[in-house]
Amino acid sequence: MAMEIDSVVARQRVDDLEAAIPFYERLTGRAAGRFAFAGVRLASVGPFLLFCGSDEAVQRVAGVGATLTVGDLAAAVEEAVAAGATVVMPVQPTPNGHRAVLRHPHGGVYEYVGP
C-alpha cells in the first residue's frame, strides 16, 4: 500500500513574524497558531508555516523544502527509505507531534510530520 500524504505545508521565512501573520490570516481565513522550536519562532496559518529567527537558528528550518503531513509517520519514513530516500533526521518529538527529515533521491529535503 502506498504512503498517503495528507497535506503539504509551504514554508516561508519572514523578517517580522507578527507583521506577516495578518496577511496570511486574511489570505487563508484561518487564525495563526504560534509556537517556538529550537530557537525559531513559528506560526502555522492554514497551509503556510511562517518562521523567523537568527540565521543560525533558522538554518535547520530553512533547509527544508516543505512539510508533508502523514497519518503514520513511522510507515511513511519506512516506505520513503525503501524507495530511495535517506534519513537526515530520525523521528523525534516536536511541539505539534513528531517529525523526521528525509532527503529524496533527487535532492529535495522534506520534513515529514505525524502523530
N, C-alpha and C. Protein backbone atom coordinates (compact mmCIF):
# COMPACT_ATOMS: atom_id res chain seq x y z
N MET A 1 0.85 -1.18 0.00
CA MET A 1 0.00 0.00 0.00
C MET A 1 0.90 1.25 0.00
N ALA A 2 0.58 2.18 -0.84
CA ALA A 2 1.37 3.40 -0.95
C ALA A 2 1.10 4.34 0.22
N MET A 3 2.16 5.05 0.61
CA MET A 3 2.04 6.05 1.67
C MET A 3 1.10 7.16 1.18
N GLU A 4 0.32 7.69 2.09
CA GLU A 4 -0.57 8.79 1.74
C GLU A 4 -0.12 10.06 2.43
N ILE A 5 0.08 11.10 1.64
CA ILE A 5 0.42 12.41 2.18
C ILE A 5 -0.88 13.18 2.33
N ASP A 6 -1.20 13.57 3.57
CA ASP A 6 -2.47 14.23 3.86
C ASP A 6 -2.48 15.70 3.44
N SER A 7 -1.34 16.38 3.60
CA SER A 7 -1.26 17.78 3.21
C SER A 7 0.20 18.19 3.05
N VAL A 8 0.39 19.27 2.34
CA VAL A 8 1.72 19.85 2.14
C VAL A 8 1.67 21.27 2.68
N VAL A 9 2.64 21.61 3.52
CA VAL A 9 2.70 22.93 4.13
C VAL A 9 3.88 23.68 3.53
N ALA A 10 3.59 24.85 2.94
CA ALA A 10 4.63 25.70 2.37
C ALA A 10 5.33 26.46 3.49
N ARG A 11 6.64 26.54 3.42
CA ARG A 11 7.44 27.23 4.44
C ARG A 11 7.88 28.59 3.91
N GLN A 12 7.80 29.60 4.77
CA GLN A 12 8.18 30.95 4.38
C GLN A 12 8.90 31.64 5.52
N ARG A 13 10.16 32.01 5.28
CA ARG A 13 10.88 32.80 6.27
C ARG A 13 10.44 34.26 6.14
N VAL A 14 10.20 34.89 7.28
CA VAL A 14 9.80 36.30 7.31
C VAL A 14 10.71 37.05 8.27
N ASP A 15 10.86 38.34 8.04
CA ASP A 15 11.69 39.16 8.93
C ASP A 15 10.98 39.46 10.25
N ASP A 16 9.67 39.69 10.17
CA ASP A 16 8.89 40.06 11.35
C ASP A 16 7.64 39.19 11.38
N LEU A 17 7.64 38.19 12.24
CA LEU A 17 6.54 37.23 12.29
C LEU A 17 5.21 37.91 12.58
N GLU A 18 5.16 38.77 13.57
CA GLU A 18 3.90 39.42 13.94
C GLU A 18 3.37 40.32 12.83
N ALA A 19 4.26 40.94 12.07
CA ALA A 19 3.81 41.79 10.96
C ALA A 19 3.30 40.95 9.79
N ALA A 20 3.84 39.75 9.60
CA ALA A 20 3.45 38.91 8.48
C ALA A 20 2.14 38.16 8.72
N ILE A 21 1.87 37.80 9.96
CA ILE A 21 0.72 36.95 10.28
C ILE A 21 -0.61 37.50 9.76
N PRO A 22 -0.94 38.79 9.93
CA PRO A 22 -2.25 39.26 9.46
C PRO A 22 -2.51 39.02 7.97
N PHE A 23 -1.48 39.16 7.14
CA PHE A 23 -1.66 38.89 5.70
C PHE A 23 -2.09 37.45 5.48
N TYR A 24 -1.39 36.51 6.10
CA TYR A 24 -1.68 35.10 5.90
C TYR A 24 -3.01 34.69 6.53
N GLU A 25 -3.37 35.31 7.65
CA GLU A 25 -4.68 35.04 8.24
C GLU A 25 -5.79 35.51 7.30
N ARG A 26 -5.60 36.67 6.72
CA ARG A 26 -6.62 37.19 5.78
C ARG A 26 -6.66 36.33 4.52
N LEU A 27 -5.50 35.95 4.02
CA LEU A 27 -5.41 35.15 2.81
C LEU A 27 -6.10 33.79 2.97
N THR A 28 -5.91 33.16 4.12
CA THR A 28 -6.43 31.81 4.33
C THR A 28 -7.75 31.76 5.09
N GLY A 29 -8.11 32.86 5.77
CA GLY A 29 -9.30 32.85 6.60
C GLY A 29 -9.14 32.04 7.87
N ARG A 30 -7.90 31.79 8.27
CA ARG A 30 -7.62 30.99 9.46
C ARG A 30 -6.74 31.76 10.43
N ALA A 31 -6.92 31.49 11.71
CA ALA A 31 -6.10 32.12 12.75
C ALA A 31 -4.75 31.40 12.84
N ALA A 32 -3.74 32.15 13.16
CA ALA A 32 -2.39 31.60 13.29
C ALA A 32 -2.24 30.87 14.61
N GLY A 33 -1.54 29.77 14.56
CA GLY A 33 -1.12 29.05 15.76
C GLY A 33 0.37 29.32 15.94
N ARG A 34 0.73 29.96 17.03
CA ARG A 34 2.13 30.34 17.24
C ARG A 34 2.82 29.34 18.15
N PHE A 35 4.11 29.08 17.86
CA PHE A 35 4.91 28.23 18.73
C PHE A 35 6.39 28.49 18.46
N ALA A 36 7.23 27.96 19.31
CA ALA A 36 8.68 28.10 19.16
C ALA A 36 9.30 26.72 19.16
N PHE A 37 10.42 26.59 18.43
CA PHE A 37 11.12 25.31 18.36
C PHE A 37 12.58 25.58 18.02
N ALA A 38 13.46 25.11 18.87
CA ALA A 38 14.91 25.19 18.63
C ALA A 38 15.38 26.61 18.31
N GLY A 39 14.87 27.59 19.05
CA GLY A 39 15.30 28.96 18.86
C GLY A 39 14.64 29.70 17.71
N VAL A 40 13.64 29.09 17.10
CA VAL A 40 12.93 29.69 15.98
C VAL A 40 11.49 29.96 16.41
N ARG A 41 10.98 31.14 16.07
CA ARG A 41 9.57 31.47 16.30
C ARG A 41 8.80 31.11 15.03
N LEU A 42 7.68 30.41 15.20
CA LEU A 42 6.92 29.93 14.06
C LEU A 42 5.44 30.25 14.21
N ALA A 43 4.75 30.29 13.08
CA ALA A 43 3.30 30.44 13.07
C ALA A 43 2.75 29.56 11.96
N SER A 44 1.79 28.74 12.30
CA SER A 44 1.11 27.90 11.33
C SER A 44 -0.20 28.60 10.97
N VAL A 45 -0.36 28.92 9.68
CA VAL A 45 -1.56 29.62 9.21
C VAL A 45 -2.06 28.89 7.97
N GLY A 46 -3.08 28.06 8.14
CA GLY A 46 -3.56 27.28 7.01
C GLY A 46 -2.42 26.44 6.44
N PRO A 47 -2.20 26.51 5.13
CA PRO A 47 -1.15 25.70 4.52
C PRO A 47 0.24 26.36 4.55
N PHE A 48 0.43 27.37 5.38
CA PHE A 48 1.70 28.09 5.45
C PHE A 48 2.34 27.92 6.83
N LEU A 49 3.64 27.75 6.84
CA LEU A 49 4.41 27.76 8.07
C LEU A 49 5.39 28.92 7.96
N LEU A 50 5.11 29.97 8.73
CA LEU A 50 5.97 31.15 8.75
C LEU A 50 6.98 30.99 9.86
N PHE A 51 8.20 31.46 9.64
CA PHE A 51 9.20 31.35 10.69
C PHE A 51 10.18 32.50 10.63
N CYS A 52 10.75 32.81 11.79
CA CYS A 52 11.77 33.86 11.87
C CYS A 52 12.72 33.55 13.01
N GLY A 53 13.88 34.14 12.92
CA GLY A 53 14.92 33.95 13.92
C GLY A 53 16.26 34.31 13.32
N SER A 54 17.29 34.11 14.09
CA SER A 54 18.64 34.39 13.60
C SER A 54 18.99 33.44 12.46
N ASP A 55 19.93 33.84 11.62
CA ASP A 55 20.34 32.98 10.52
C ASP A 55 20.76 31.60 11.01
N GLU A 56 21.49 31.58 12.10
CA GLU A 56 21.97 30.31 12.65
C GLU A 56 20.80 29.42 13.09
N ALA A 57 19.83 30.01 13.77
CA ALA A 57 18.70 29.23 14.28
C ALA A 57 17.80 28.71 13.17
N VAL A 58 17.57 29.50 12.13
CA VAL A 58 16.63 29.08 11.09
C VAL A 58 17.24 28.15 10.05
N GLN A 59 18.52 27.90 10.10
CA GLN A 59 19.14 27.03 9.11
C GLN A 59 18.46 25.67 8.99
N ARG A 60 18.13 25.07 10.13
CA ARG A 60 17.52 23.74 10.04
C ARG A 60 16.07 23.80 9.57
N VAL A 61 15.41 24.95 9.73
CA VAL A 61 14.04 25.11 9.22
C VAL A 61 14.08 25.50 7.75
N ALA A 62 14.98 26.42 7.40
CA ALA A 62 15.04 26.94 6.03
C ALA A 62 15.57 25.92 5.03
N GLY A 63 16.31 24.92 5.49
CA GLY A 63 16.88 23.93 4.59
C GLY A 63 15.90 22.88 4.12
N VAL A 64 14.65 22.99 4.54
CA VAL A 64 13.62 22.01 4.19
C VAL A 64 12.65 22.64 3.20
N GLY A 65 12.37 21.93 2.11
CA GLY A 65 11.52 22.47 1.06
C GLY A 65 10.06 22.64 1.45
N ALA A 66 9.52 21.69 2.19
CA ALA A 66 8.11 21.73 2.60
C ALA A 66 7.91 20.72 3.71
N THR A 67 6.77 20.82 4.35
CA THR A 67 6.38 19.87 5.38
C THR A 67 5.27 18.99 4.80
N LEU A 68 5.43 17.69 4.93
CA LEU A 68 4.45 16.73 4.44
C LEU A 68 3.78 16.09 5.66
N THR A 69 2.48 16.25 5.77
CA THR A 69 1.74 15.67 6.89
C THR A 69 1.26 14.28 6.49
N VAL A 70 1.53 13.30 7.35
CA VAL A 70 1.15 11.92 7.08
C VAL A 70 0.42 11.34 8.29
N GLY A 71 -0.41 10.34 8.05
CA GLY A 71 -1.16 9.72 9.14
C GLY A 71 -0.34 8.74 9.96
N ASP A 72 0.66 8.12 9.36
CA ASP A 72 1.51 7.14 10.05
C ASP A 72 2.95 7.48 9.73
N LEU A 73 3.60 8.23 10.62
CA LEU A 73 4.95 8.72 10.37
C LEU A 73 5.95 7.59 10.21
N ALA A 74 5.92 6.61 11.08
CA ALA A 74 6.88 5.50 11.00
C ALA A 74 6.76 4.77 9.67
N ALA A 75 5.54 4.50 9.24
CA ALA A 75 5.32 3.81 7.97
C ALA A 75 5.77 4.67 6.79
N ALA A 76 5.51 5.98 6.86
CA ALA A 76 5.90 6.88 5.78
C ALA A 76 7.43 6.93 5.64
N VAL A 77 8.13 7.01 6.77
CA VAL A 77 9.59 7.03 6.73
C VAL A 77 10.11 5.71 6.16
N GLU A 78 9.56 4.61 6.63
CA GLU A 78 9.99 3.29 6.16
C GLU A 78 9.78 3.15 4.65
N GLU A 79 8.63 3.58 4.18
CA GLU A 79 8.33 3.46 2.76
C GLU A 79 9.21 4.38 1.92
N ALA A 80 9.44 5.60 2.39
CA ALA A 80 10.29 6.53 1.64
C ALA A 80 11.72 6.02 1.56
N VAL A 81 12.23 5.48 2.66
CA VAL A 81 13.59 4.92 2.67
C VAL A 81 13.67 3.72 1.72
N ALA A 82 12.66 2.88 1.74
CA ALA A 82 12.64 1.72 0.85
C ALA A 82 12.64 2.15 -0.62
N ALA A 83 12.07 3.34 -0.89
CA ALA A 83 12.01 3.86 -2.25
C ALA A 83 13.26 4.64 -2.64
N GLY A 84 14.20 4.84 -1.69
CA GLY A 84 15.45 5.51 -2.04
C GLY A 84 15.77 6.77 -1.27
N ALA A 85 14.88 7.20 -0.37
CA ALA A 85 15.16 8.40 0.44
C ALA A 85 16.19 8.05 1.52
N THR A 86 16.87 9.07 2.04
CA THR A 86 17.79 8.89 3.15
C THR A 86 17.31 9.73 4.32
N VAL A 87 17.54 9.24 5.51
CA VAL A 87 17.12 9.94 6.72
C VAL A 87 18.18 10.98 7.07
N VAL A 88 17.76 12.25 7.11
CA VAL A 88 18.63 13.35 7.54
C VAL A 88 18.50 13.51 9.05
N MET A 89 17.26 13.40 9.55
CA MET A 89 16.98 13.49 10.99
C MET A 89 15.93 12.43 11.31
N PRO A 90 16.24 11.52 12.21
CA PRO A 90 15.25 10.47 12.54
C PRO A 90 14.04 11.04 13.27
N VAL A 91 13.05 10.22 13.42
CA VAL A 91 11.81 10.63 14.10
C VAL A 91 12.14 11.15 15.49
N GLN A 92 11.56 12.32 15.80
CA GLN A 92 11.74 12.93 17.12
C GLN A 92 10.49 13.72 17.47
N PRO A 93 10.25 13.94 18.77
CA PRO A 93 9.06 14.70 19.17
C PRO A 93 9.24 16.19 18.88
N THR A 94 8.12 16.87 18.61
CA THR A 94 8.08 18.31 18.39
C THR A 94 6.87 18.87 19.14
N PRO A 95 6.72 20.20 19.17
CA PRO A 95 5.55 20.78 19.85
C PRO A 95 4.21 20.37 19.23
N ASN A 96 4.23 19.94 17.97
CA ASN A 96 2.97 19.60 17.29
C ASN A 96 2.90 18.15 16.82
N GLY A 97 3.58 17.23 17.50
CA GLY A 97 3.56 15.82 17.12
C GLY A 97 4.96 15.25 17.06
N HIS A 98 5.26 14.59 15.96
CA HIS A 98 6.59 14.03 15.73
C HIS A 98 7.03 14.39 14.32
N ARG A 99 8.33 14.41 14.11
CA ARG A 99 8.86 14.77 12.79
C ARG A 99 10.07 13.93 12.45
N ALA A 100 10.32 13.82 11.15
CA ALA A 100 11.55 13.25 10.61
C ALA A 100 11.88 14.09 9.38
N VAL A 101 13.14 14.18 9.05
CA VAL A 101 13.56 14.91 7.85
C VAL A 101 14.24 13.92 6.93
N LEU A 102 13.78 13.89 5.68
CA LEU A 102 14.30 12.95 4.69
C LEU A 102 14.79 13.69 3.45
N ARG A 103 15.84 13.16 2.85
CA ARG A 103 16.31 13.66 1.56
C ARG A 103 15.82 12.67 0.50
N HIS A 104 15.05 13.17 -0.45
CA HIS A 104 14.55 12.33 -1.52
C HIS A 104 15.68 12.03 -2.51
N PRO A 105 15.55 10.97 -3.29
CA PRO A 105 16.64 10.55 -4.17
C PRO A 105 17.10 11.61 -5.17
N HIS A 106 16.24 12.58 -5.45
CA HIS A 106 16.60 13.60 -6.44
C HIS A 106 17.06 14.90 -5.79
N GLY A 107 17.31 14.87 -4.47
CA GLY A 107 17.92 16.00 -3.78
C GLY A 107 17.01 16.83 -2.89
N GLY A 108 15.71 16.75 -3.05
CA GLY A 108 14.81 17.55 -2.22
C GLY A 108 14.82 17.08 -0.78
N VAL A 109 14.78 18.02 0.15
CA VAL A 109 14.75 17.70 1.57
C VAL A 109 13.39 18.11 2.12
N TYR A 110 12.71 17.15 2.79
CA TYR A 110 11.36 17.40 3.27
C TYR A 110 11.21 16.92 4.70
N GLU A 111 10.40 17.69 5.45
CA GLU A 111 10.04 17.30 6.81
C GLU A 111 8.75 16.51 6.71
N TYR A 112 8.72 15.36 7.34
CA TYR A 112 7.51 14.55 7.44
C TYR A 112 7.01 14.71 8.89
N VAL A 113 5.74 15.04 9.07
CA VAL A 113 5.18 15.17 10.41
C VAL A 113 3.95 14.28 10.54
N GLY A 114 3.76 13.80 11.75
CA GLY A 114 2.62 12.95 12.02
C GLY A 114 2.44 12.79 13.51
N PRO A 115 1.38 12.10 13.87
CA PRO A 115 1.10 11.91 15.29
C PRO A 115 2.15 11.02 15.96
